[in-house]
Amino acid sequence: MTARLPSLNGLRAFEAAARHLSFTQAAAELNVTQTAISHQIKRLEEELGIRLFIRQNRALSLTAEAKEYLPGIRAAFNDLRLATDRLLRRDDDHVLTVSTLASLAAKWLLPRLAAFQGAHPGIDVRITTSTALVDFKDGSVDAAIRYGRGQWPGLRADWLMADQLFPICSPALLTGKRPLRKPEDLADHVLLHTSAANDDDWRLWLTAAGLPTDLSKQPGITFDMVFMTIQAAIDGIGVAMGRTSYVKDDIAKGSLVVPFDITLPADAGFYLVSPEGRADSPKLSAFRNWLVATAQNKPEALAEPVPPRRRQAG
């Protein structure tokens, strides 16, 4: 025989009171009186035949049985919240949440996003930035722009663009006191780095240029975000290692220049990824079509040849 579920109000009161270890705070959270919380907890204890709280003078603590019961109740309420959120998100087809790297958002995506909004005014795009891989399970993010080789199990991956790798600097460095004319001149300039990002970029490029890799270890300046490194290069502070997607707009505007002819192809690229089960929703399809066309069909300086679109299944 199936056991009857306890009162939902009693369980809500228990979860809130257990989280705060206070009937007063639980009452404030649930917008009821403290007396109501106390009665709901008492009825729940009578239904279960188990004491849940140890009531002391000015303190409240959980019994051993309550400590064992609480994780399951908390998980159940969390599942209810997530299920409701997913249900509402399915009905809310005008909201599209996209995760990407902060530097890619600042230097490439945001300057172009107005074009998408103009073409699709009914879709509310929300950009969130993170260096961590997105967990799509909770449904809070619809798609992400990731850098890699396009192989993520269970996700659809649509090719956007590849990068080339090359030094960049302000035009002022080309004609300054120590003109930057050939790769060997880098020894006289400050090299700009980004911590925990593309650590091998300078080493790989110096190797291709026939220069000692120790040059990358000379005193320089390190930033924690790529767009800060690029801004330092624009300001003439030093020479940075650029990647096409981050710097092509600044090169087109003339705020950055590429001082040497040596460029390296990257062994990976940017993809738009989304869970296969939700990849064909109208709002995501509209964004994907626009993003792929924007990344691939717009002539840009230093653009990399574009391979055919790839779709990766798990």
C-alpha atoms as a PDB file:
ATOM      1  CA  MET A   1       0.000   0.000   0.000  1.00  0.00           C
ATOM      2  CA  THR A   2       1.388   3.406  -1.001  1.00  0.00           C
ATOM      3  CA  ALA A   3       2.220   5.662   1.938  1.00  0.00           C
ATOM      4  CA  ARG A   4       0.243   8.910   2.068  1.00  0.00           C
ATOM      5  CA  LEU A   5       2.352  11.997   1.466  1.00  0.00           C
ATOM      6  CA  PRO A   6       2.559  14.462   4.356  1.00  0.00           C
ATOM      7  CA  SER A   7       1.073  17.939   4.070  1.00  0.00           C
ATOM      8  CA  LEU A   8       2.908  20.068   1.500  1.00  0.00           C
ATOM      9  CA  ASN A   9       2.517  23.136   3.722  1.00  0.00           C
ATOM     10  CA  GLY A  10       4.031  21.205   6.605  1.00  0.00           C
ATOM     11  CA  LEU A  11       6.979  20.115   4.469  1.00  0.00           C
ATOM     12  CA  ARG A  12       7.547  23.703   3.258  1.00  0.00           C
ATOM     13  CA  ALA A  13       7.505  24.928   6.838  1.00  0.00           C
ATOM     14  CA  PHE A  14       9.910  22.165   7.888  1.00  0.00           C
ATOM     15  CA  GLU A  15      12.362  22.857   5.059  1.00  0.00           C
ATOM     16  CA  ALA A  16      12.401  26.613   5.712  1.00  0.00           C
ATOM     17  CA  ALA A  17      12.645  26.269   9.495  1.00  0.00           C
ATOM     18  CA  ALA A  18      15.400  23.643   9.179  1.00  0.00           C
ATOM     19  CA  ARG A  19      17.359  25.861   6.792  1.00  0.00           C
ATOM     20  CA  HIS A  20      17.166  28.905   9.071  1.00  0.00           C
ATOM     21  CA  LEU A  21      16.971  26.993  12.385  1.00  0.00           C
ATOM     22  CA  SER A  22      14.362  29.589  13.250  1.00  0.00           C
ATOM     23  CA  PHE A  23      10.558  29.579  13.150  1.00  0.00           C
ATOM     24  CA  THR A  24      10.613  33.387  12.995  1.00  0.00           C
ATOM     25  CA  GLN A  25      12.801  33.539   9.880  1.00  0.00           C
ATOM     26  CA  ALA A  26      10.860  30.700   8.242  1.00  0.00           C
ATOM     27  CA  ALA A  27       7.623  32.616   8.845  1.00  0.00           C
ATOM     28  CA  ALA A  28       9.080  35.770   7.282  1.00  0.00           C
ATOM     29  CA  GLU A  29      10.268  33.826   4.210  1.00  0.00           C
ATOM     30  CA  LEU A  30       6.895  32.102   3.698  1.00  0.00           C
ATOM     31  CA  ASN A  31       4.905  35.236   4.557  1.00  0.00           C
ATOM     32  CA  VAL A  32       2.941  33.637   7.392  1.00  0.00           C
ATOM     33  CA  THR A  33       2.943  34.082  11.163  1.00  0.00           C
ATOM     34  CA  GLN A  34       5.336  32.332  13.497  1.00  0.00           C
ATOM     35  CA  THR A  35       2.312  30.656  15.118  1.00  0.00           C
ATOM     36  CA  ALA A  36       1.309  29.226  11.731  1.00  0.00           C
ATOM     37  CA  ILE A  37       4.782  27.756  11.240  1.00  0.00           C
ATOM     38  CA  SER A  38       4.703  26.236  14.688  1.00  0.00           C
ATOM     39  CA  HIS A  39       1.279  24.654  14.062  1.00  0.00           C
ATOM     40  CA  GLN A  40       2.331  23.294  10.642  1.00  0.00           C
ATOM     41  CA  ILE A  41       5.467  21.738  12.108  1.00  0.00           C
ATOM     42  CA  LYS A  42       3.467  20.222  14.963  1.00  0.00           C
ATOM     43  CA  ARG A  43       0.925  18.697  12.541  1.00  0.00           C
ATOM     44  CA  LEU A  44       3.753  17.334  10.376  1.00  0.00           C
ATOM     45  CA  GLU A  45       5.388  15.714  13.406  1.00  0.00           C
ATOM     46  CA  GLU A  46       2.023  14.149  14.333  1.00  0.00           C
ATOM     47  CA  GLU A  47       1.528  12.863  10.754  1.00  0.00           C
ATOM     48  CA  LEU A  48       4.996  11.317  10.702  1.00  0.00           C
ATOM     49  CA  GLY A  49       4.963  10.188  14.308  1.00  0.00           C
ATOM     50  CA  ILE A  50       8.488  11.586  14.582  1.00  0.00           C
ATOM     51  CA  ARG A  51       9.899  14.565  16.449  1.00  0.00           C
ATOM     52  CA  LEU A  52      11.739  16.893  14.057  1.00  0.00           C
ATOM     53  CA  PHE A  53      12.963  19.790  16.175  1.00  0.00           C
ATOM     54  CA  ILE A  54      14.495  20.156  19.595  1.00  0.00           C
ATOM     55  CA  ARG A  55      13.046  23.371  21.005  1.00  0.00           C
ATOM     56  CA  GLN A  56      15.262  25.030  23.557  1.00  0.00           C
ATOM     57  CA  ASN A  57      15.126  28.404  25.308  1.00  0.00           C
ATOM     58  CA  ARG A  58      16.346  30.585  22.442  1.00  0.00           C
ATOM     59  CA  ALA A  59      17.633  27.964  20.067  1.00  0.00           C
ATOM     60  CA  LEU A  60      16.288  25.418  17.646  1.00  0.00           C
ATOM     61  CA  SER A  61      18.062  22.280  16.503  1.00  0.00           C
ATOM     62  CA  LEU A  62      17.227  19.251  14.382  1.00  0.00           C
ATOM     63  CA  THR A  63      16.747  15.779  15.732  1.00  0.00           C
ATOM     64  CA  ALA A  64      18.793  12.965  14.229  1.00  0.00           C
ATOM     65  CA  GLU A  65      15.715  11.822  12.260  1.00  0.00           C
ATOM     66  CA  ALA A  66      15.167  15.335  10.873  1.00  0.00           C
ATOM     67  CA  LYS A  67      18.790  15.609   9.757  1.00  0.00           C
ATOM     68  CA  GLU A  68      18.313  12.372   7.800  1.00  0.00           C
ATOM     69  CA  TYR A  69      14.951  13.513   6.385  1.00  0.00           C
ATOM     70  CA  LEU A  70      15.980  17.047   5.348  1.00  0.00           C
ATOM     71  CA  PRO A  71      18.244  16.338   2.302  1.00  0.00           C
ATOM     72  CA  GLY A  72      15.491  14.415   0.529  1.00  0.00           C
ATOM     73  CA  ILE A  73      12.872  17.097   1.233  1.00  0.00           C
ATOM     74  CA  ARG A  74      15.250  19.850   0.111  1.00  0.00           C
ATOM     75  CA  ALA A  75      16.061  17.958  -3.090  1.00  0.00           C
ATOM     76  CA  ALA A  76      12.349  17.408  -3.779  1.00  0.00           C
ATOM     77  CA  PHE A  77      11.570  21.124  -3.461  1.00  0.00           C
ATOM     78  CA  ASN A  78      14.559  21.961  -5.649  1.00  0.00           C
ATOM     79  CA  ASP A  79      13.308  19.517  -8.301  1.00  0.00           C
ATOM     80  CA  LEU A  80       9.884  21.168  -8.146  1.00  0.00           C
ATOM     81  CA  ARG A  81      11.447  24.599  -8.643  1.00  0.00           C
ATOM     82  CA  LEU A  82      13.556  23.417 -11.590  1.00  0.00           C
ATOM     83  CA  ALA A  83      10.635  21.593 -13.207  1.00  0.00           C
ATOM     84  CA  THR A  84       8.482  24.706 -12.889  1.00  0.00           C
ATOM     85  CA  ASP A  85      11.273  26.886 -14.274  1.00  0.00           C
ATOM     86  CA  ARG A  86      11.720  24.559 -17.252  1.00  0.00           C
ATOM     87  CA  LEU A  87       7.968  24.558 -17.872  1.00  0.00           C
ATOM     88  CA  LEU A  88       7.801  28.343 -17.803  1.00  0.00           C
ATOM     89  CA  ARG A  89      10.909  28.639 -19.966  1.00  0.00           C
ATOM     90  CA  ARG A  90       9.332  26.402 -22.617  1.00  0.00           C
ATOM     91  CA  ASP A  91       6.360  28.726 -22.714  1.00  0.00           C
ATOM     92  CA  ASP A  92       8.605  31.794 -22.661  1.00  0.00           C
ATOM     93  CA  ASP A  93       9.905  31.502 -26.211  1.00  0.00           C
ATOM     94  CA  HIS A  94      11.051  35.099 -26.406  1.00  0.00           C
ATOM     95  CA  VAL A  95      13.882  34.750 -23.838  1.00  0.00           C
ATOM     96  CA  LEU A  96      17.214  33.329 -25.084  1.00  0.00           C
ATOM     97  CA  THR A  97      20.131  32.930 -22.664  1.00  0.00           C
ATOM     98  CA  VAL A  98      23.587  32.504 -24.205  1.00  0.00           C
ATOM     99  CA  SER A  99      26.804  31.842 -22.281  1.00  0.00           C
ATOM    100  CA  THR A 100      30.194  32.844 -23.623  1.00  0.00           C
ATOM    101  CA  LEU A 101      33.642  34.045 -22.585  1.00  0.00           C
ATOM    102  CA  ALA A 102      33.723  37.634 -21.324  1.00  0.00           C
ATOM    103  CA  SER A 103      36.429  38.655 -23.794  1.00  0.00           C
ATOM    104  CA  LEU A 104      34.647  37.154 -26.800  1.00  0.00           C
ATOM    105  CA  ALA A 105      31.444  38.870 -25.708  1.00  0.00           C
ATOM    106  CA  ALA A 106      33.149  42.247 -25.315  1.00  0.00           C
ATOM    107  CA  LYS A 107      35.345  42.152 -28.412  1.00  0.00           C
ATOM    108  CA  TRP A 108      33.197  40.253 -30.925  1.00  0.00           C
ATOM    109  CA  LEU A 109      29.625  39.345 -29.973  1.00  0.00           C
ATOM    110  CA  LEU A 110      28.239  42.495 -28.345  1.00  0.00           C
ATOM    111  CA  PRO A 111      29.203  44.893 -31.162  1.00  0.00           C
ATOM    112  CA  ARG A 112      27.203  42.684 -33.567  1.00  0.00           C
ATOM    113  CA  LEU A 113      24.238  41.840 -31.364  1.00  0.00           C
ATOM    114  CA  ALA A 114      22.235  44.915 -32.313  1.00  0.00           C
ATOM    115  CA  ALA A 115      21.844  43.448 -35.818  1.00  0.00           C
ATOM    116  CA  PHE A 116      20.178  40.350 -34.387  1.00  0.00           C
ATOM    117  CA  GLN A 117      17.873  42.428 -32.200  1.00  0.00           C
ATOM    118  CA  GLY A 118      16.924  44.499 -35.229  1.00  0.00           C
ATOM    119  CA  ALA A 119      16.050  41.386 -37.215  1.00  0.00           C
ATOM    120  CA  HIS A 120      14.333  39.605 -34.281  1.00  0.00           C
ATOM    121  CA  PRO A 121      12.870  42.255 -31.942  1.00  0.00           C
ATOM    122  CA  GLY A 122      10.616  39.652 -30.319  1.00  0.00           C
ATOM    123  CA  ILE A 123      13.554  37.667 -28.845  1.00  0.00           C
ATOM    124  CA  ASP A 124      15.052  38.916 -25.593  1.00  0.00           C
ATOM    125  CA  VAL A 125      18.737  37.872 -25.651  1.00  0.00           C
ATOM    126  CA  ARG A 126      20.484  37.534 -22.313  1.00  0.00           C
ATOM    127  CA  ILE A 127      24.274  37.153 -22.310  1.00  0.00           C
ATOM    128  CA  THR A 128      26.032  35.499 -19.391  1.00  0.00           C
ATOM    129  CA  THR A 129      29.814  35.151 -19.192  1.00  0.00           C
ATOM    130  CA  SER A 130      31.862  32.413 -17.591  1.00  0.00           C
ATOM    131  CA  THR A 131      35.144  30.579 -18.072  1.00  0.00           C
ATOM    132  CA  ALA A 132      33.565  27.319 -16.880  1.00  0.00           C
ATOM    133  CA  LEU A 133      31.746  24.872 -19.127  1.00  0.00           C
ATOM    134  CA  VAL A 134      27.990  25.314 -19.000  1.00  0.00           C
ATOM    135  CA  ASP A 135      25.873  22.626 -17.371  1.00  0.00           C
ATOM    136  CA  PHE A 136      22.736  22.602 -19.519  1.00  0.00           C
ATOM    137  CA  LYS A 137      20.837  20.244 -17.198  1.00  0.00           C
ATOM    138  CA  ASP A 138      19.123  22.939 -15.136  1.00  0.00           C
ATOM    139  CA  GLY A 139      17.749  24.656 -18.252  1.00  0.00           C
ATOM    140  CA  SER A 140      18.988  28.126 -17.246  1.00  0.00           C
ATOM    141  CA  VAL A 141      21.162  28.486 -20.379  1.00  0.00           C
ATOM    142  CA  ASP A 142      19.928  27.786 -23.915  1.00  0.00           C
ATOM    143  CA  ALA A 143      23.252  27.806 -25.767  1.00  0.00           C
ATOM    144  CA  ALA A 144      26.929  28.577 -25.297  1.00  0.00           C
ATOM    145  CA  ILE A 145      29.797  29.694 -27.498  1.00  0.00           C
ATOM    146  CA  ARG A 146      32.682  27.354 -26.779  1.00  0.00           C
ATOM    147  CA  TYR A 147      36.264  27.129 -27.989  1.00  0.00           C
ATOM    148  CA  GLY A 148      37.480  23.669 -28.906  1.00  0.00           C
ATOM    149  CA  ARG A 149      37.352  20.981 -31.582  1.00  0.00           C
ATOM    150  CA  GLY A 150      33.584  20.558 -31.736  1.00  0.00           C
ATOM    151  CA  GLN A 151      33.312  17.268 -29.902  1.00  0.00           C
ATOM    152  CA  TRP A 152      31.043  17.526 -26.851  1.00  0.00           C
ATOM    153  CA  PRO A 153      28.890  14.426 -26.226  1.00  0.00           C
ATOM    154  CA  GLY A 154      25.159  15.063 -26.235  1.00  0.00           C
ATOM    155  CA  LEU A 155      25.492  18.560 -27.666  1.00  0.00           C
ATOM    156  CA  ARG A 156      24.922  19.931 -31.137  1.00  0.00           C
ATOM    157  CA  ALA A 157      27.998  21.927 -32.201  1.00  0.00           C
ATOM    158  CA  ASP A 158      27.757  24.438 -35.054  1.00  0.00           C
ATOM    159  CA  TRP A 159      31.000  25.784 -36.464  1.00  0.00           C
ATOM    160  CA  LEU A 160      31.426  29.554 -36.212  1.00  0.00           C
ATOM    161  CA  MET A 161      35.023  30.543 -36.893  1.00  0.00           C
ATOM    162  CA  ALA A 162      38.668  29.709 -36.370  1.00  0.00           C
ATOM    163  CA  ASP A 163      41.459  31.940 -35.153  1.00  0.00           C
ATOM    164  CA  GLN A 164      44.837  32.880 -36.459  1.00  0.00           C
ATOM    165  CA  LEU A 165      47.565  33.719 -34.021  1.00  0.00           C
ATOM    166  CA  PHE A 166      49.851  36.763 -34.405  1.00  0.00           C
ATOM    167  CA  PRO A 167      51.384  39.674 -32.440  1.00  0.00           C
ATOM    168  CA  ILE A 168      49.415  42.932 -32.286  1.00  0.00           C
ATOM    169  CA  CYS A 169      50.322  46.404 -31.095  1.00  0.00           C
ATOM    170  CA  SER A 170      49.447  50.071 -31.313  1.00  0.00           C
ATOM    171  CA  PRO A 171      50.513  51.811 -34.559  1.00  0.00           C
ATOM    172  CA  ALA A 172      52.580  54.124 -32.348  1.00  0.00           C
ATOM    173  CA  LEU A 173      55.044  51.309 -31.595  1.00  0.00           C
ATOM    174  CA  LEU A 174      55.998  51.021 -35.256  1.00  0.00           C
ATOM    175  CA  THR A 175      57.590  54.479 -35.284  1.00  0.00           C
ATOM    176  CA  GLY A 176      58.501  55.060 -31.639  1.00  0.00           C
ATOM    177  CA  LYS A 177      61.927  55.410 -30.045  1.00  0.00           C
ATOM    178  CA  ARG A 178      62.470  51.684 -30.517  1.00  0.00           C
ATOM    179  CA  PRO A 179      60.630  50.959 -33.790  1.00  0.00           C
ATOM    180  CA  LEU A 180      59.027  47.545 -34.077  1.00  0.00           C
ATOM    181  CA  ARG A 181      60.037  46.479 -37.593  1.00  0.00           C
ATOM    182  CA  LYS A 182      61.167  42.868 -37.366  1.00  0.00           C
ATOM    183  CA  PRO A 183      60.477  40.020 -34.909  1.00  0.00           C
ATOM    184  CA  GLU A 184      63.896  40.448 -33.269  1.00  0.00           C
ATOM    185  CA  ASP A 185      62.807  43.920 -32.122  1.00  0.00           C
ATOM    186  CA  LEU A 186      60.412  42.286 -29.641  1.00  0.00           C
ATOM    187  CA  ALA A 187      63.380  41.989 -27.272  1.00  0.00           C
ATOM    188  CA  ASP A 188      63.153  45.779 -26.779  1.00  0.00           C
ATOM    189  CA  HIS A 189      59.434  45.822 -25.995  1.00  0.00           C
ATOM    190  CA  VAL A 190      57.107  44.830 -23.167  1.00  0.00           C
ATOM    191  CA  LEU A 191      55.244  41.609 -23.908  1.00  0.00           C
ATOM    192  CA  LEU A 192      51.642  41.429 -22.710  1.00  0.00           C
ATOM    193  CA  HIS A 193      50.159  38.171 -21.403  1.00  0.00           C
ATOM    194  CA  THR A 194      46.830  36.839 -20.174  1.00  0.00           C
ATOM    195  CA  SER A 195      46.940  34.580 -17.133  1.00  0.00           C
ATOM    196  CA  ALA A 196      45.532  31.050 -17.474  1.00  0.00           C
ATOM    197  CA  ALA A 197      44.552  31.680 -21.100  1.00  0.00           C
ATOM    198  CA  ASN A 198      46.432  30.626 -24.231  1.00  0.00           C
ATOM    199  CA  ASP A 199      49.603  30.099 -22.221  1.00  0.00           C
ATOM    200  CA  ASP A 200      51.526  28.711 -25.190  1.00  0.00           C
ATOM    201  CA  ASP A 201      50.601  31.401 -27.738  1.00  0.00           C
ATOM    202  CA  TRP A 202      53.792  33.423 -27.435  1.00  0.00           C
ATOM    203  CA  ARG A 203      55.988  30.314 -27.293  1.00  0.00           C
ATOM    204  CA  LEU A 204      54.386  28.806 -30.410  1.00  0.00           C
ATOM    205  CA  TRP A 205      54.654  32.021 -32.385  1.00  0.00           C
ATOM    206  CA  LEU A 206      58.279  32.676 -31.355  1.00  0.00           C
ATOM    207  CA  THR A 207      59.175  29.147 -32.439  1.00  0.00           C
ATOM    208  CA  ALA A 208      57.558  29.735 -35.846  1.00  0.00           C
ATOM    209  CA  ALA A 209      59.451  33.032 -36.155  1.00  0.00           C
ATOM    210  CA  GLY A 210      62.761  31.329 -35.437  1.00  0.00           C
ATOM    211  CA  LEU A 211      63.278  33.222 -32.173  1.00  0.00           C
ATOM    212  CA  PRO A 212      64.258  31.794 -28.779  1.00  0.00           C
ATOM    213  CA  THR A 213      61.186  30.910 -26.722  1.00  0.00           C
ATOM    214  CA  ASP A 214      62.863  32.384 -23.633  1.00  0.00           C
ATOM    215  CA  LEU A 215      61.889  35.755 -25.066  1.00  0.00           C
ATOM    216  CA  SER A 216      58.359  35.099 -23.808  1.00  0.00           C
ATOM    217  CA  LYS A 217      59.709  34.937 -20.252  1.00  0.00           C
ATOM    218  CA  GLN A 218      61.245  38.403 -20.250  1.00  0.00           C
ATOM    219  CA  PRO A 219      59.638  40.875 -17.824  1.00  0.00           C
ATOM    220  CA  GLY A 220      56.201  41.884 -19.063  1.00  0.00           C
ATOM    221  CA  ILE A 221      52.667  42.563 -17.850  1.00  0.00           C
ATOM    222  CA  THR A 222      49.995  39.931 -17.232  1.00  0.00           C
ATOM    223  CA  PHE A 223      46.234  40.537 -17.112  1.00  0.00           C
ATOM    224  CA  ASP A 224      43.471  38.176 -16.017  1.00  0.00           C
ATOM    225  CA  MET A 225      41.145  38.879 -18.969  1.00  0.00           C
ATOM    226  CA  VAL A 226      41.944  38.818 -22.699  1.00  0.00           C
ATOM    227  CA  PHE A 227      40.106  42.051 -23.454  1.00  0.00           C
ATOM    228  CA  MET A 228      42.260  43.853 -20.852  1.00  0.00           C
ATOM    229  CA  THR A 229      45.400  42.562 -22.565  1.00  0.00           C
ATOM    230  CA  ILE A 230      44.081  43.807 -25.901  1.00  0.00           C
ATOM    231  CA  GLN A 231      43.224  47.209 -24.441  1.00  0.00           C
ATOM    232  CA  ALA A 232      46.762  47.488 -23.066  1.00  0.00           C
ATOM    233  CA  ALA A 233      48.071  46.843 -26.579  1.00  0.00           C
ATOM    234  CA  ILE A 234      45.731  49.520 -27.994  1.00  0.00           C
ATOM    235  CA  ASP A 235      47.054  51.946 -25.363  1.00  0.00           C
ATOM    236  CA  GLY A 236      50.631  51.313 -26.509  1.00  0.00           C
ATOM    237  CA  ILE A 237      51.769  49.644 -23.299  1.00  0.00           C
ATOM    238  CA  GLY A 238      53.309  46.675 -25.103  1.00  0.00           C
ATOM    239  CA  VAL A 239      52.865  43.925 -27.666  1.00  0.00           C
ATOM    240  CA  ALA A 240      50.177  41.285 -27.186  1.00  0.00           C
ATOM    241  CA  MET A 241      49.470  37.985 -28.880  1.00  0.00           C
ATOM    242  CA  GLY A 242      46.225  38.365 -30.781  1.00  0.00           C
ATOM    243  CA  ARG A 243      43.626  35.924 -32.019  1.00  0.00           C
ATOM    244  CA  THR A 244      41.486  36.803 -35.019  1.00  0.00           C
ATOM    245  CA  SER A 245      38.108  36.740 -33.289  1.00  0.00           C
ATOM    246  CA  TYR A 246      39.231  39.114 -30.553  1.00  0.00           C
ATOM    247  CA  VAL A 247      41.153  41.724 -32.552  1.00  0.00           C
ATOM    248  CA  LYS A 248      39.877  41.902 -36.133  1.00  0.00           C
ATOM    249  CA  ASP A 249      37.492  44.775 -35.365  1.00  0.00           C
ATOM    250  CA  ASP A 250      40.268  46.823 -33.735  1.00  0.00           C
ATOM    251  CA  ILE A 251      42.552  46.087 -36.697  1.00  0.00           C
ATOM    252  CA  ALA A 252      39.837  47.223 -39.102  1.00  0.00           C
ATOM    253  CA  LYS A 253      39.448  50.475 -37.129  1.00  0.00           C
ATOM    254  CA  GLY A 254      43.206  51.077 -37.122  1.00  0.00           C
ATOM    255  CA  SER A 255      43.607  51.026 -33.339  1.00  0.00           C
ATOM    256  CA  LEU A 256      45.742  47.884 -33.662  1.00  0.00           C
ATOM    257  CA  VAL A 257      48.213  46.748 -36.303  1.00  0.00           C
ATOM    258  CA  VAL A 258      49.855  43.426 -37.129  1.00  0.00           C
ATOM    259  CA  PRO A 259      53.578  44.260 -37.274  1.00  0.00           C
ATOM    260  CA  PHE A 260      54.794  41.005 -38.837  1.00  0.00           C
ATOM    261  CA  ASP A 261      53.702  38.670 -41.634  1.00  0.00           C
ATOM    262  CA  ILE A 262      54.052  35.486 -39.576  1.00  0.00           C
ATOM    263  CA  THR A 263      50.690  34.047 -38.474  1.00  0.00           C
ATOM    264  CA  LEU A 264      49.791  30.647 -37.086  1.00  0.00           C
ATOM    265  CA  PRO A 265      46.554  28.730 -37.610  1.00  0.00           C
ATOM    266  CA  ALA A 266      44.919  27.650 -34.389  1.00  0.00           C
ATOM    267  CA  ASP A 267      44.120  23.947 -33.993  1.00  0.00           C
ATOM    268  CA  ALA A 268      40.582  24.642 -32.763  1.00  0.00           C
ATOM    269  CA  GLY A 269      37.787  27.148 -33.201  1.00  0.00           C
ATOM    270  CA  PHE A 270      34.581  28.611 -31.828  1.00  0.00           C
ATOM    271  CA  TYR A 271      31.286  26.690 -31.918  1.00  0.00           C
ATOM    272  CA  LEU A 272      27.732  27.422 -30.882  1.00  0.00           C
ATOM    273  CA  VAL A 273      26.697  24.476 -28.724  1.00  0.00           C
ATOM    274  CA  SER A 274      23.288  23.516 -27.379  1.00  0.00           C
ATOM    275  CA  PRO A 275      21.581  20.399 -25.991  1.00  0.00           C
ATOM    276  CA  GLU A 276      20.426  18.237 -28.883  1.00  0.00           C
ATOM    277  CA  GLY A 277      16.918  17.945 -27.432  1.00  0.00           C
ATOM    278  CA  ARG A 278      16.423  21.732 -27.433  1.00  0.00           C
ATOM    279  CA  ALA A 279      18.640  22.743 -30.351  1.00  0.00           C
ATOM    280  CA  ASP A 280      15.807  23.270 -32.838  1.00  0.00           C
ATOM    281  CA  SER A 281      13.581  25.574 -30.787  1.00  0.00           C
ATOM    282  CA  PRO A 282      12.445  28.589 -32.867  1.00  0.00           C
ATOM    283  CA  LYS A 283      14.346  31.169 -30.807  1.00  0.00           C
ATOM    284  CA  LEU A 284      17.585  29.165 -30.835  1.00  0.00           C
ATOM    285  CA  SER A 285      17.281  28.331 -34.543  1.00  0.00           C
ATOM    286  CA  ALA A 286      16.878  32.039 -35.328  1.00  0.00           C
ATOM    287  CA  PHE A 287      19.949  32.932 -33.244  1.00  0.00           C
ATOM    288  CA  ARG A 288      22.017  30.095 -34.708  1.00  0.00           C
ATOM    289  CA  ASN A 289      21.221  31.027 -38.300  1.00  0.00           C
ATOM    290  CA  TRP A 290      22.136  34.660 -37.659  1.00  0.00           C
ATOM    291  CA  LEU A 291      25.301  33.841 -35.686  1.00  0.00           C
ATOM    292  CA  VAL A 292      26.653  31.344 -38.223  1.00  0.00           C
ATOM    293  CA  ALA A 293      25.994  33.749 -41.096  1.00  0.00           C
ATOM    294  CA  THR A 294      27.609  36.623 -39.188  1.00  0.00           C
ATOM    295  CA  ALA A 295      30.712  34.627 -38.289  1.00  0.00           C
ATOM    296  CA  GLN A 296      31.242  33.024 -41.691  1.00  0.00           C
ATOM    297  CA  ASN A 297      29.902  35.281 -44.428  1.00  0.00           C
ATOM    298  CA  LYS A 298      31.224  38.677 -43.404  1.00  0.00           C
ATOM    299  CA  PRO A 299      34.590  39.454 -45.083  1.00  0.00           C
ATOM    300  CA  GLU A 300      37.137  40.382 -42.437  1.00  0.00           C
ATOM    301  CA  ALA A 301      40.846  41.099 -42.397  1.00  0.00           C
ATOM    302  CA  LEU A 302      42.857  38.018 -41.490  1.00  0.00           C
ATOM    303  CA  ALA A 303      39.809  35.773 -41.784  1.00  0.00           C
ATOM    304  CA  GLU A 304      40.444  32.046 -41.671  1.00  0.00           C
ATOM    305  CA  PRO A 305      38.984  29.764 -44.394  1.00  0.00           C
ATOM    306  CA  VAL A 306      35.744  28.298 -43.060  1.00  0.00           C
ATOM    307  CA  PRO A 307      35.190  24.518 -43.022  1.00  0.00           C
ATOM    308  CA  PRO A 308      31.698  23.124 -43.535  1.00  0.00           C
ATOM    309  CA  ARG A 309      29.296  23.197 -40.595  1.00  0.00           C
ATOM    310  CA  ARG A 310      29.771  20.300 -38.232  1.00  0.00           C
ATOM    311  CA  ARG A 311      27.141  18.578 -36.192  1.00  0.00           C
ATOM    312  CA  GLN A 312      28.364  16.406 -33.378  1.00  0.00           C
ATOM    313  CA  ALA A 313      26.177  13.835 -31.707  1.00  0.00           C
ATOM    314  CA  GLY A 314      26.954  12.225 -28.437  1.00  0.00           C
END
